[in-house]
Amino acid sequence: MSQTKVAITIEEGVLAKIDALVRRKVFSNRSRAIQEAVLEKLERLDRNRLAEECAKLDSVFERAMADEGLSEESDAWPKY
């Protein structure tokens, strides 16, 4: 995947924590630490969005649809 350089402004305390992680070899460099933090946050936001969308579903209706689908398909399943 291609990468692009960007400039960011970051609090000194946060940068000090990142530098400490780099010194401890948790990350190879500042860029890697920040990139992984951003990716983790984006993934968390995606999971939250999925959870919010799932919460909108009608559980009774979804259960009925699942049960209906299972009862129709079970007749066609081979017996072992």
N, C-alpha and C. Protein backbone atom coordinates (compact mmCIF):
# COMPACT_ATOMS: atom_id res chain seq x y z
N MET A 1 0.85 -1.17 0.00
CA MET A 1 0.00 0.00 0.00
C MET A 1 0.90 1.24 0.00
N SER A 2 0.55 2.22 -0.77
CA SER A 2 1.37 3.43 -0.83
C SER A 2 1.17 4.27 0.43
N GLN A 3 2.17 5.04 0.74
CA GLN A 3 2.12 5.88 1.93
C GLN A 3 2.36 7.33 1.53
N THR A 4 1.81 8.24 2.32
CA THR A 4 1.95 9.66 2.09
C THR A 4 2.41 10.31 3.38
N LYS A 5 3.34 11.23 3.27
CA LYS A 5 3.79 11.96 4.46
C LYS A 5 2.78 13.04 4.81
N VAL A 6 2.54 13.19 6.11
CA VAL A 6 1.67 14.25 6.60
C VAL A 6 2.34 14.88 7.82
N ALA A 7 2.01 16.10 8.08
CA ALA A 7 2.50 16.78 9.29
C ALA A 7 1.34 16.85 10.27
N ILE A 8 1.62 16.56 11.54
CA ILE A 8 0.58 16.63 12.57
C ILE A 8 1.08 17.47 13.73
N THR A 9 0.14 17.97 14.49
CA THR A 9 0.44 18.66 15.73
C THR A 9 0.00 17.74 16.85
N ILE A 10 0.89 17.55 17.83
CA ILE A 10 0.60 16.60 18.89
C ILE A 10 1.11 17.17 20.22
N GLU A 11 0.40 16.90 21.28
CA GLU A 11 0.81 17.40 22.60
C GLU A 11 2.15 16.79 22.99
N GLU A 12 2.95 17.57 23.68
CA GLU A 12 4.29 17.12 24.08
C GLU A 12 4.23 15.87 24.95
N GLY A 13 3.27 15.79 25.84
CA GLY A 13 3.15 14.63 26.71
C GLY A 13 2.85 13.36 25.93
N VAL A 14 2.00 13.48 24.93
CA VAL A 14 1.67 12.33 24.09
C VAL A 14 2.91 11.90 23.31
N LEU A 15 3.62 12.86 22.77
CA LEU A 15 4.83 12.56 22.02
C LEU A 15 5.88 11.89 22.91
N ALA A 16 5.98 12.33 24.15
CA ALA A 16 6.93 11.71 25.09
C ALA A 16 6.57 10.25 25.32
N LYS A 17 5.28 9.94 25.43
CA LYS A 17 4.85 8.55 25.61
C LYS A 17 5.17 7.72 24.37
N ILE A 18 4.96 8.30 23.20
CA ILE A 18 5.28 7.60 21.96
C ILE A 18 6.78 7.33 21.88
N ASP A 19 7.57 8.33 22.21
CA ASP A 19 9.03 8.17 22.18
C ASP A 19 9.48 7.08 23.15
N ALA A 20 8.83 7.00 24.30
CA ALA A 20 9.18 5.95 25.28
C ALA A 20 8.88 4.57 24.70
N LEU A 21 7.78 4.45 23.99
CA LEU A 21 7.43 3.17 23.37
C LEU A 21 8.44 2.80 22.28
N VAL A 22 8.89 3.80 21.54
CA VAL A 22 9.90 3.56 20.50
C VAL A 22 11.21 3.12 21.16
N ARG A 23 11.61 3.77 22.23
CA ARG A 23 12.84 3.39 22.93
C ARG A 23 12.76 1.96 23.47
N ARG A 24 11.55 1.56 23.90
CA ARG A 24 11.37 0.20 24.42
C ARG A 24 11.17 -0.81 23.30
N LYS A 25 11.24 -0.35 22.05
CA LYS A 25 11.11 -1.20 20.86
C LYS A 25 9.71 -1.79 20.68
N VAL A 26 8.72 -1.12 21.28
CA VAL A 26 7.33 -1.53 21.05
C VAL A 26 6.95 -1.19 19.61
N PHE A 27 7.44 -0.04 19.14
CA PHE A 27 7.26 0.39 17.75
C PHE A 27 8.63 0.72 17.18
N SER A 28 8.77 0.56 15.88
CA SER A 28 10.06 0.82 15.24
C SER A 28 10.37 2.31 15.16
N ASN A 29 9.33 3.14 15.10
CA ASN A 29 9.53 4.58 15.02
C ASN A 29 8.22 5.31 15.34
N ARG A 30 8.29 6.62 15.40
CA ARG A 30 7.10 7.43 15.72
C ARG A 30 5.99 7.22 14.69
N SER A 31 6.38 7.22 13.43
CA SER A 31 5.38 7.08 12.37
C SER A 31 4.59 5.79 12.52
N ARG A 32 5.30 4.69 12.79
CA ARG A 32 4.63 3.40 12.95
C ARG A 32 3.69 3.43 14.15
N ALA A 33 4.11 4.03 15.24
CA ALA A 33 3.27 4.11 16.44
C ALA A 33 1.98 4.88 16.15
N ILE A 34 2.12 6.02 15.51
CA ILE A 34 0.95 6.85 15.21
C ILE A 34 0.06 6.17 14.19
N GLN A 35 0.65 5.54 13.18
CA GLN A 35 -0.14 4.85 12.16
C GLN A 35 -0.95 3.72 12.78
N GLU A 36 -0.33 2.93 13.65
CA GLU A 36 -1.06 1.84 14.28
C GLU A 36 -2.16 2.35 15.21
N ALA A 37 -1.90 3.45 15.89
CA ALA A 37 -2.93 4.03 16.77
C ALA A 37 -4.13 4.51 15.96
N VAL A 38 -3.86 5.15 14.85
CA VAL A 38 -4.95 5.64 14.00
C VAL A 38 -5.75 4.47 13.42
N LEU A 39 -5.05 3.44 12.94
CA LEU A 39 -5.75 2.27 12.40
C LEU A 39 -6.62 1.59 13.45
N GLU A 40 -6.07 1.47 14.66
CA GLU A 40 -6.84 0.86 15.74
C GLU A 40 -8.10 1.67 16.04
N LYS A 41 -7.99 2.96 16.07
CA LYS A 41 -9.14 3.82 16.33
C LYS A 41 -10.18 3.70 15.22
N LEU A 42 -9.72 3.67 13.97
CA LEU A 42 -10.65 3.53 12.85
C LEU A 42 -11.39 2.19 12.90
N GLU A 43 -10.68 1.12 13.25
CA GLU A 43 -11.33 -0.19 13.38
C GLU A 43 -12.36 -0.18 14.50
N ARG A 44 -12.01 0.47 15.61
CA ARG A 44 -12.96 0.57 16.74
C ARG A 44 -14.20 1.34 16.33
N LEU A 45 -14.03 2.41 15.59
CA LEU A 45 -15.19 3.19 15.12
C LEU A 45 -16.06 2.35 14.19
N ASP A 46 -15.44 1.55 13.32
CA ASP A 46 -16.21 0.68 12.43
C ASP A 46 -17.01 -0.35 13.22
N ARG A 47 -16.38 -0.93 14.25
CA ARG A 47 -17.10 -1.91 15.08
C ARG A 47 -18.28 -1.25 15.80
N ASN A 48 -18.06 -0.04 16.30
CA ASN A 48 -19.15 0.67 16.98
C ASN A 48 -20.29 0.95 16.02
N ARG A 49 -19.94 1.33 14.80
CA ARG A 49 -20.98 1.60 13.80
C ARG A 49 -21.78 0.33 13.50
N LEU A 50 -21.09 -0.80 13.39
CA LEU A 50 -21.77 -2.06 13.15
C LEU A 50 -22.69 -2.41 14.32
N ALA A 51 -22.22 -2.20 15.53
CA ALA A 51 -23.04 -2.48 16.71
C ALA A 51 -24.28 -1.58 16.74
N GLU A 52 -24.11 -0.32 16.36
CA GLU A 52 -25.25 0.60 16.33
C GLU A 52 -26.27 0.15 15.29
N GLU A 53 -25.81 -0.29 14.13
CA GLU A 53 -26.73 -0.76 13.10
C GLU A 53 -27.43 -2.04 13.53
N CYS A 54 -26.71 -2.93 14.19
CA CYS A 54 -27.32 -4.17 14.67
C CYS A 54 -28.38 -3.88 15.73
N ALA A 55 -28.16 -2.86 16.53
CA ALA A 55 -29.12 -2.50 17.58
C ALA A 55 -30.44 -2.02 16.98
N LYS A 56 -30.42 -1.57 15.75
CA LYS A 56 -31.63 -1.09 15.09
C LYS A 56 -32.52 -2.24 14.60
N LEU A 57 -31.95 -3.45 14.54
CA LEU A 57 -32.72 -4.59 14.04
C LEU A 57 -33.80 -5.00 15.03
N ASP A 58 -34.89 -5.51 14.50
CA ASP A 58 -35.98 -6.05 15.32
C ASP A 58 -35.64 -7.50 15.62
N SER A 59 -35.26 -7.79 16.85
CA SER A 59 -34.78 -9.13 17.20
C SER A 59 -35.86 -10.20 17.02
N VAL A 60 -37.11 -9.88 17.27
CA VAL A 60 -38.19 -10.85 17.10
C VAL A 60 -38.35 -11.20 15.63
N PHE A 61 -38.33 -10.19 14.78
CA PHE A 61 -38.44 -10.42 13.34
C PHE A 61 -37.25 -11.21 12.82
N GLU A 62 -36.04 -10.83 13.25
CA GLU A 62 -34.83 -11.51 12.79
C GLU A 62 -34.84 -12.98 13.22
N ARG A 63 -35.29 -13.26 14.45
CA ARG A 63 -35.37 -14.64 14.94
C ARG A 63 -36.36 -15.44 14.10
N ALA A 64 -37.51 -14.84 13.80
CA ALA A 64 -38.52 -15.52 12.99
C ALA A 64 -37.98 -15.83 11.60
N MET A 65 -37.26 -14.88 11.02
CA MET A 65 -36.68 -15.12 9.70
C MET A 65 -35.65 -16.25 9.75
N ALA A 66 -34.83 -16.26 10.77
CA ALA A 66 -33.80 -17.31 10.91
C ALA A 66 -34.46 -18.67 11.12
N ASP A 67 -35.47 -18.72 12.00
CA ASP A 67 -36.14 -19.99 12.26
C ASP A 67 -36.86 -20.49 11.02
N GLU A 68 -37.47 -19.61 10.28
CA GLU A 68 -38.15 -19.98 9.05
C GLU A 68 -37.17 -20.56 8.04
N GLY A 69 -36.05 -19.90 7.90
CA GLY A 69 -35.03 -20.37 6.96
C GLY A 69 -34.47 -21.72 7.36
N LEU A 70 -34.27 -21.93 8.65
CA LEU A 70 -33.74 -23.21 9.12
C LEU A 70 -34.72 -24.34 8.93
N SER A 71 -35.99 -24.08 9.18
CA SER A 71 -36.97 -25.16 9.06
C SER A 71 -37.12 -25.60 7.60
N GLU A 72 -37.04 -24.67 6.66
CA GLU A 72 -37.14 -25.03 5.25
C GLU A 72 -35.91 -25.80 4.79
N GLU A 73 -34.73 -25.39 5.24
CA GLU A 73 -33.50 -26.00 4.78
C GLU A 73 -33.24 -27.36 5.42
N SER A 74 -33.72 -27.58 6.64
CA SER A 74 -33.39 -28.81 7.35
C SER A 74 -33.93 -30.04 6.65
N ASP A 75 -35.04 -29.92 5.89
CA ASP A 75 -35.58 -31.06 5.16
C ASP A 75 -34.64 -31.50 4.04
N ALA A 76 -33.88 -30.52 3.49
CA ALA A 76 -33.00 -30.83 2.37
C ALA A 76 -31.63 -31.31 2.82
N TRP A 77 -31.33 -31.22 4.10
CA TRP A 77 -30.01 -31.63 4.59
C TRP A 77 -29.93 -33.16 4.63
N PRO A 78 -28.80 -33.71 4.23
CA PRO A 78 -28.67 -35.18 4.30
C PRO A 78 -28.57 -35.65 5.75
N LYS A 79 -29.07 -36.85 5.99
CA LYS A 79 -28.96 -37.43 7.33
C LYS A 79 -27.66 -38.20 7.42
N TYR A 80 -26.97 -38.03 8.50
CA TYR A 80 -25.68 -38.69 8.68
C TYR A 80 -25.82 -39.81 9.68
